[in-house]
Amino acid sequence: MKAVGFYYFKPNPVAKPLPPDTTLFGYFRQTMFKWAGYNKYGLYHDDILYWYPDVAEAVRRLPTELHDQRTFRLVRAIQLDLMRSELPREQWVTFEEDITVGRYLTPYLEEVRKEVKEKDQWIAEH
């Protein structure tokens, strides 16, 4: 028996290990995802980024297909909000989908930020 806090428990020999994202941090991320509510409108994480100049440049660099998909999601979310409704539950974005597909802007954003950093370094040197 192992002591955990003030409680004693006997480990279950047939218990399966937890999946990697079931840590406390993983539960916190999933809870915050649910509380944010943008998934109910079919939006991804990168759809709701604040419109800074680097985000605007990254969106400008998106391929046409991704840009059209983003525009469709944003227009649909605005329409749903105006109608005071949400998508049917089967069309909501899942946490796993948001993690895998919803970070579509990240590579372009990293590229823009890297270029801005290089430009600032060049200006500081010259």
C-alpha atoms as a PDB file:
ATOM      1  CA  MET A   1       0.000   0.000   0.000  1.00  0.00           C
ATOM      2  CA  LYS A   2       1.182   3.490  -0.826  1.00  0.00           C
ATOM      3  CA  ALA A   3       0.543   6.600   1.204  1.00  0.00           C
ATOM      4  CA  VAL A   4      -0.846   9.521  -0.759  1.00  0.00           C
ATOM      5  CA  GLY A   5      -1.559  12.504   1.461  1.00  0.00           C
ATOM      6  CA  PHE A   6      -3.572  11.180   4.379  1.00  0.00           C
ATOM      7  CA  TYR A   7      -5.125   8.346   2.387  1.00  0.00           C
ATOM      8  CA  TYR A   8      -3.888   4.857   1.695  1.00  0.00           C
ATOM      9  CA  PHE A   9      -4.776   2.967  -1.439  1.00  0.00           C
ATOM     10  CA  LYS A  10      -3.870  -0.319  -2.991  1.00  0.00           C
ATOM     11  CA  PRO A  11      -2.710   0.059  -6.601  1.00  0.00           C
ATOM     12  CA  ASN A  12      -4.784  -1.784  -9.171  1.00  0.00           C
ATOM     13  CA  PRO A  13      -2.473  -4.264 -10.942  1.00  0.00           C
ATOM     14  CA  VAL A  14      -4.625  -4.340 -14.104  1.00  0.00           C
ATOM     15  CA  ALA A  15      -5.103  -0.579 -14.381  1.00  0.00           C
ATOM     16  CA  LYS A  16      -4.160   0.852 -17.752  1.00  0.00           C
ATOM     17  CA  PRO A  17      -1.813   3.837 -17.921  1.00  0.00           C
ATOM     18  CA  LEU A  18      -3.476   7.166 -18.627  1.00  0.00           C
ATOM     19  CA  PRO A  19      -3.242   8.592 -22.139  1.00  0.00           C
ATOM     20  CA  PRO A  20      -0.652  11.374 -22.414  1.00  0.00           C
ATOM     21  CA  ASP A  21      -3.113  14.287 -22.431  1.00  0.00           C
ATOM     22  CA  THR A  22      -4.982  13.238 -19.286  1.00  0.00           C
ATOM     23  CA  THR A  23      -2.610  15.097 -17.021  1.00  0.00           C
ATOM     24  CA  LEU A  24      -3.860  17.959 -14.923  1.00  0.00           C
ATOM     25  CA  PHE A  25      -2.640  20.383 -17.592  1.00  0.00           C
ATOM     26  CA  GLY A  26      -4.507  18.373 -20.262  1.00  0.00           C
ATOM     27  CA  TYR A  27      -7.750  18.549 -18.300  1.00  0.00           C
ATOM     28  CA  PHE A  28      -7.240  22.288 -17.811  1.00  0.00           C
ATOM     29  CA  ARG A  29      -6.743  22.788 -21.577  1.00  0.00           C
ATOM     30  CA  GLN A  30      -9.882  20.802 -22.392  1.00  0.00           C
ATOM     31  CA  THR A  31     -11.931  22.668 -19.798  1.00  0.00           C
ATOM     32  CA  MET A  32     -10.771  26.046 -21.093  1.00  0.00           C
ATOM     33  CA  PHE A  33     -11.589  24.914 -24.639  1.00  0.00           C
ATOM     34  CA  LYS A  34     -15.139  24.064 -23.573  1.00  0.00           C
ATOM     35  CA  TRP A  35     -15.557  27.321 -21.657  1.00  0.00           C
ATOM     36  CA  ALA A  36     -14.278  29.452 -24.536  1.00  0.00           C
ATOM     37  CA  GLY A  37     -17.288  28.417 -26.619  1.00  0.00           C
ATOM     38  CA  TYR A  38     -15.931  29.260 -30.065  1.00  0.00           C
ATOM     39  CA  ASN A  39     -16.218  25.599 -31.028  1.00  0.00           C
ATOM     40  CA  LYS A  40     -20.014  25.892 -30.858  1.00  0.00           C
ATOM     41  CA  TYR A  41     -19.851  28.241 -33.828  1.00  0.00           C
ATOM     42  CA  GLY A  42     -17.516  25.990 -35.828  1.00  0.00           C
ATOM     43  CA  LEU A  43     -14.466  28.179 -35.258  1.00  0.00           C
ATOM     44  CA  TYR A  44     -10.885  27.045 -34.698  1.00  0.00           C
ATOM     45  CA  HIS A  45      -8.295  28.521 -32.356  1.00  0.00           C
ATOM     46  CA  ASP A  46      -6.552  30.463 -35.118  1.00  0.00           C
ATOM     47  CA  ASP A  47      -9.853  31.932 -36.346  1.00  0.00           C
ATOM     48  CA  ILE A  48     -10.194  34.037 -33.200  1.00  0.00           C
ATOM     49  CA  LEU A  49      -6.668  35.418 -32.893  1.00  0.00           C
ATOM     50  CA  TYR A  50      -6.509  39.147 -32.214  1.00  0.00           C
ATOM     51  CA  TRP A  51      -5.855  41.051 -35.448  1.00  0.00           C
ATOM     52  CA  TYR A  52      -2.271  42.225 -34.936  1.00  0.00           C
ATOM     53  CA  PRO A  53      -0.173  43.227 -37.977  1.00  0.00           C
ATOM     54  CA  ASP A  54       1.722  39.925 -37.891  1.00  0.00           C
ATOM     55  CA  VAL A  55      -1.550  37.957 -37.831  1.00  0.00           C
ATOM     56  CA  ALA A  56      -2.861  40.039 -40.739  1.00  0.00           C
ATOM     57  CA  GLU A  57       0.289  39.292 -42.726  1.00  0.00           C
ATOM     58  CA  ALA A  58       0.049  35.569 -41.924  1.00  0.00           C
ATOM     59  CA  VAL A  59      -3.593  35.522 -43.077  1.00  0.00           C
ATOM     60  CA  ARG A  60      -2.573  37.316 -46.262  1.00  0.00           C
ATOM     61  CA  ARG A  61      -0.021  34.566 -46.945  1.00  0.00           C
ATOM     62  CA  LEU A  62      -2.538  31.735 -46.534  1.00  0.00           C
ATOM     63  CA  PRO A  63      -3.238  29.608 -49.607  1.00  0.00           C
ATOM     64  CA  THR A  64      -6.521  30.467 -51.318  1.00  0.00           C
ATOM     65  CA  GLU A  65      -8.276  27.308 -50.135  1.00  0.00           C
ATOM     66  CA  LEU A  66      -7.399  27.863 -46.456  1.00  0.00           C
ATOM     67  CA  HIS A  67      -8.298  31.539 -46.714  1.00  0.00           C
ATOM     68  CA  ASP A  68     -11.715  30.682 -48.201  1.00  0.00           C
ATOM     69  CA  GLN A  69     -12.370  28.104 -45.468  1.00  0.00           C
ATOM     70  CA  ARG A  70     -11.448  30.654 -42.807  1.00  0.00           C
ATOM     71  CA  THR A  71     -13.729  33.271 -44.346  1.00  0.00           C
ATOM     72  CA  PHE A  72     -16.608  30.783 -44.510  1.00  0.00           C
ATOM     73  CA  ARG A  73     -16.193  29.862 -40.834  1.00  0.00           C
ATOM     74  CA  LEU A  74     -16.066  33.515 -39.757  1.00  0.00           C
ATOM     75  CA  VAL A  75     -19.108  34.536 -41.823  1.00  0.00           C
ATOM     76  CA  ARG A  76     -21.082  31.519 -40.567  1.00  0.00           C
ATOM     77  CA  ALA A  77     -20.147  32.348 -36.944  1.00  0.00           C
ATOM     78  CA  ILE A  78     -21.244  35.965 -37.380  1.00  0.00           C
ATOM     79  CA  GLN A  79     -24.533  34.827 -38.911  1.00  0.00           C
ATOM     80  CA  LEU A  80     -25.148  32.358 -36.086  1.00  0.00           C
ATOM     81  CA  ASP A  81     -24.378  35.026 -33.503  1.00  0.00           C
ATOM     82  CA  LEU A  82     -26.798  37.456 -35.126  1.00  0.00           C
ATOM     83  CA  MET A  83     -29.479  34.768 -35.094  1.00  0.00           C
ATOM     84  CA  ARG A  84     -28.657  34.005 -31.420  1.00  0.00           C
ATOM     85  CA  SER A  85     -28.100  30.326 -32.199  1.00  0.00           C
ATOM     86  CA  GLU A  86     -25.325  27.734 -32.374  1.00  0.00           C
ATOM     87  CA  LEU A  87     -24.439  24.920 -34.733  1.00  0.00           C
ATOM     88  CA  PRO A  88     -25.964  21.498 -34.100  1.00  0.00           C
ATOM     89  CA  ARG A  89     -23.834  19.584 -31.607  1.00  0.00           C
ATOM     90  CA  GLU A  90     -22.547  17.118 -34.227  1.00  0.00           C
ATOM     91  CA  GLN A  91     -21.005  20.051 -36.156  1.00  0.00           C
ATOM     92  CA  TRP A  92     -19.135  21.504 -33.189  1.00  0.00           C
ATOM     93  CA  VAL A  93     -15.351  21.487 -33.394  1.00  0.00           C
ATOM     94  CA  THR A  94     -13.876  18.869 -31.054  1.00  0.00           C
ATOM     95  CA  PHE A  95     -10.860  19.469 -28.844  1.00  0.00           C
ATOM     96  CA  GLU A  96      -8.760  16.989 -30.827  1.00  0.00           C
ATOM     97  CA  GLU A  97      -9.763  18.599 -34.132  1.00  0.00           C
ATOM     98  CA  ASP A  98      -8.912  22.044 -32.776  1.00  0.00           C
ATOM     99  CA  ILE A  99      -5.455  20.851 -31.730  1.00  0.00           C
ATOM    100  CA  THR A 100      -4.666  19.110 -35.036  1.00  0.00           C
ATOM    101  CA  VAL A 101      -6.463  21.229 -37.661  1.00  0.00           C
ATOM    102  CA  GLY A 102      -7.217  24.427 -35.763  1.00  0.00           C
ATOM    103  CA  ARG A 103      -3.623  25.659 -35.650  1.00  0.00           C
ATOM    104  CA  TYR A 104      -3.425  26.151 -39.425  1.00  0.00           C
ATOM    105  CA  LEU A 105      -2.061  29.696 -39.132  1.00  0.00           C
ATOM    106  CA  THR A 106       0.832  28.826 -36.823  1.00  0.00           C
ATOM    107  CA  PRO A 107       3.496  28.036 -39.484  1.00  0.00           C
ATOM    108  CA  TYR A 108       2.747  31.264 -41.358  1.00  0.00           C
ATOM    109  CA  LEU A 109       2.694  33.261 -38.129  1.00  0.00           C
ATOM    110  CA  GLU A 110       6.056  31.844 -37.028  1.00  0.00           C
ATOM    111  CA  GLU A 111       7.516  32.720 -40.433  1.00  0.00           C
ATOM    112  CA  VAL A 112       6.246  36.317 -40.228  1.00  0.00           C
ATOM    113  CA  ARG A 113       7.543  36.770 -36.686  1.00  0.00           C
ATOM    114  CA  LYS A 114      10.922  35.350 -37.700  1.00  0.00           C
ATOM    115  CA  GLU A 115      11.122  37.817 -40.600  1.00  0.00           C
ATOM    116  CA  VAL A 116      10.173  40.738 -38.354  1.00  0.00           C
ATOM    117  CA  LYS A 117      12.854  39.692 -35.861  1.00  0.00           C
ATOM    118  CA  GLU A 118      15.465  39.452 -38.636  1.00  0.00           C
ATOM    119  CA  LYS A 119      14.441  42.870 -39.960  1.00  0.00           C
ATOM    120  CA  ASP A 120      14.704  44.431 -36.492  1.00  0.00           C
ATOM    121  CA  GLN A 121      18.152  42.874 -36.004  1.00  0.00           C
ATOM    122  CA  TRP A 122      19.317  44.159 -39.376  1.00  0.00           C
ATOM    123  CA  ILE A 123      18.057  47.675 -38.602  1.00  0.00           C
ATOM    124  CA  ALA A 124      19.789  47.598 -35.201  1.00  0.00           C
ATOM    125  CA  GLU A 125      23.081  46.585 -36.804  1.00  0.00           C
ATOM    126  CA  HIS A 126      23.023  49.180 -39.593  1.00  0.00           C
END
